[in-house]
C-alpha cells in the first residue's frame, strides 16, 4: 500500500515538473517593439538622472 502511494506521488510530481518545464531551453516569443520601447525608457531615465 505504501509503495503504491509513493509511486502515485512520484508519478504526479513527475507530471507536474514536465508540465511546468516544457519550455526549458527554448527562447520566448519576442514582443514587437519591446527593445525599442525599453531603450527609449532607459534613455529618458538617463536624461532625468543627468546622463548617468
N, C-alpha and C. Protein backbone atom coordinates (compact mmCIF):
# COMPACT_ATOMS: atom_id res chain seq x y z
N UNK A 1 0.83 -1.19 0.00
CA UNK A 1 0.00 0.00 0.00
C UNK A 1 0.88 1.25 0.00
N UNK A 2 1.90 1.27 0.84
CA UNK A 2 2.75 2.46 0.90
C UNK A 2 3.53 2.64 -0.40
N UNK A 3 3.93 1.52 -0.98
CA UNK A 3 4.66 1.59 -2.24
C UNK A 3 3.77 2.17 -3.35
N UNK A 4 2.52 1.76 -3.38
CA UNK A 4 1.60 2.28 -4.39
C UNK A 4 1.36 3.77 -4.18
N UNK A 5 1.22 4.20 -2.95
CA UNK A 5 1.02 5.61 -2.65
C UNK A 5 2.26 6.42 -3.04
N UNK A 6 3.43 5.91 -2.68
CA UNK A 6 4.68 6.58 -3.01
C UNK A 6 4.87 6.68 -4.53
N UNK A 7 4.55 5.61 -5.24
CA UNK A 7 4.66 5.60 -6.70
C UNK A 7 3.68 6.60 -7.31
N UNK A 8 2.48 6.67 -6.79
CA UNK A 8 1.49 7.62 -7.31
C UNK A 8 1.95 9.06 -7.09
N UNK A 9 2.52 9.34 -5.94
CA UNK A 9 3.02 10.69 -5.65
C UNK A 9 4.18 11.03 -6.59
N UNK A 10 5.09 10.09 -6.79
CA UNK A 10 6.21 10.34 -7.71
C UNK A 10 5.73 10.55 -9.14
N UNK A 11 4.74 9.77 -9.57
CA UNK A 11 4.18 9.96 -10.91
C UNK A 11 3.54 11.34 -11.05
N UNK A 12 2.81 11.77 -10.03
CA UNK A 12 2.18 13.08 -10.05
C UNK A 12 3.24 14.19 -10.10
N UNK A 13 4.28 14.07 -9.27
CA UNK A 13 5.35 15.07 -9.28
C UNK A 13 6.08 15.11 -10.61
N UNK A 14 6.32 13.95 -11.20
CA UNK A 14 6.98 13.90 -12.50
C UNK A 14 6.14 14.62 -13.55
N UNK A 15 4.86 14.37 -13.55
CA UNK A 15 3.96 15.05 -14.50
C UNK A 15 3.93 16.54 -14.26
N UNK A 16 3.95 16.95 -13.02
CA UNK A 16 3.94 18.37 -12.68
C UNK A 16 5.22 19.05 -13.16
N UNK A 17 6.35 18.43 -12.92
CA UNK A 17 7.63 19.00 -13.35
C UNK A 17 7.67 19.09 -14.87
N UNK A 18 7.23 18.06 -15.56
CA UNK A 18 7.24 18.09 -17.02
C UNK A 18 6.31 19.16 -17.57
N UNK A 19 5.18 19.36 -16.95
CA UNK A 19 4.24 20.37 -17.46
C UNK A 19 4.73 21.79 -17.17
N UNK A 20 5.49 21.97 -16.12
CA UNK A 20 5.96 23.31 -15.78
C UNK A 20 7.28 23.66 -16.46
N UNK A 21 8.00 22.68 -16.96
CA UNK A 21 9.30 22.95 -17.56
C UNK A 21 9.32 22.63 -19.05
N UNK A 22 8.15 22.62 -19.68
CA UNK A 22 8.11 22.24 -21.09
C UNK A 22 8.80 23.26 -21.99
N UNK A 23 9.02 24.47 -21.51
CA UNK A 23 9.67 25.48 -22.34
C UNK A 23 11.13 25.67 -21.95
N UNK A 24 11.67 24.80 -21.12
CA UNK A 24 13.06 24.94 -20.70
C UNK A 24 13.97 24.82 -21.93
N UNK A 25 14.87 25.77 -22.07
CA UNK A 25 15.81 25.74 -23.17
C UNK A 25 15.30 26.37 -24.45
N UNK A 26 14.07 26.85 -24.46
CA UNK A 26 13.52 27.49 -25.65
C UNK A 26 13.50 28.99 -25.45
N UNK A 27 13.63 29.70 -26.54
CA UNK A 27 13.51 31.15 -26.49
C UNK A 27 12.05 31.53 -26.36
N UNK A 28 11.81 32.59 -25.64
CA UNK A 28 10.45 33.09 -25.53
C UNK A 28 10.04 33.77 -26.82
N UNK A 29 8.76 33.97 -26.96
CA UNK A 29 8.30 34.66 -28.17
C UNK A 29 8.60 36.15 -28.03
N UNK A 30 9.25 36.73 -29.03
CA UNK A 30 9.61 38.14 -28.94
C UNK A 30 8.38 39.04 -29.09
N UNK A 31 8.40 40.13 -28.38
CA UNK A 31 7.32 41.11 -28.49
C UNK A 31 7.80 42.23 -29.40
N UNK A 32 7.06 42.50 -30.46
CA UNK A 32 7.49 43.52 -31.41
C UNK A 32 7.61 44.89 -30.75
N UNK A 33 8.74 45.54 -30.97
CA UNK A 33 8.94 46.88 -30.46
C UNK A 33 9.35 46.96 -29.00
N UNK A 34 9.48 45.83 -28.33
CA UNK A 34 9.80 45.86 -26.90
C UNK A 34 11.18 46.45 -26.65
N UNK A 35 12.18 46.02 -27.41
CA UNK A 35 13.54 46.52 -27.20
C UNK A 35 13.60 48.04 -27.42
N UNK A 36 12.95 48.51 -28.46
CA UNK A 36 12.95 49.94 -28.74
C UNK A 36 12.27 50.72 -27.62
N UNK A 37 11.15 50.19 -27.13
CA UNK A 37 10.43 50.87 -26.05
C UNK A 37 11.27 50.91 -24.78
N UNK A 38 11.95 49.82 -24.46
CA UNK A 38 12.78 49.79 -23.26
C UNK A 38 13.99 50.70 -23.41
N UNK A 39 14.58 50.73 -24.59
CA UNK A 39 15.72 51.64 -24.82
C UNK A 39 15.29 53.09 -24.70
N UNK A 40 14.10 53.41 -25.18
CA UNK A 40 13.59 54.78 -25.07
C UNK A 40 13.37 55.15 -23.60
N UNK A 41 12.78 54.23 -22.84
CA UNK A 41 12.56 54.49 -21.41
C UNK A 41 13.88 54.66 -20.68
N UNK A 42 14.87 53.85 -21.04
CA UNK A 42 16.18 53.95 -20.40
C UNK A 42 16.85 55.28 -20.72
N UNK A 43 16.78 55.70 -21.97
CA UNK A 43 17.41 56.98 -22.32
C UNK A 43 16.69 58.14 -21.65
N UNK A 44 15.37 58.06 -21.52
CA UNK A 44 14.61 59.10 -20.81
C UNK A 44 15.03 59.15 -19.36
N UNK A 45 15.17 57.98 -18.73
CA UNK A 45 15.58 57.92 -17.34
C UNK A 45 16.99 58.49 -17.16
N UNK A 46 17.90 58.13 -18.08
CA UNK A 46 19.26 58.64 -18.02
C UNK A 46 19.30 60.16 -18.17
N UNK A 47 18.47 60.71 -19.04
CA UNK A 47 18.41 62.17 -19.21
C UNK A 47 17.94 62.85 -17.92
N UNK A 48 16.95 62.25 -17.26
CA UNK A 48 16.47 62.84 -16.00
C UNK A 48 17.49 62.72 -14.89
N UNK A 49 18.35 61.70 -14.96
CA UNK A 49 19.36 61.50 -13.92
C UNK A 49 20.62 62.32 -14.17
N UNK A 50 20.68 62.96 -15.29
CA UNK A 50 21.84 63.78 -15.60
C UNK A 50 22.90 63.04 -16.39
N UNK A 51 22.49 62.09 -17.22
CA UNK A 51 23.42 61.38 -18.08
C UNK A 51 24.26 60.35 -17.36
N UNK A 52 23.68 59.68 -16.41
CA UNK A 52 24.40 58.67 -15.63
C UNK A 52 24.93 57.58 -16.53
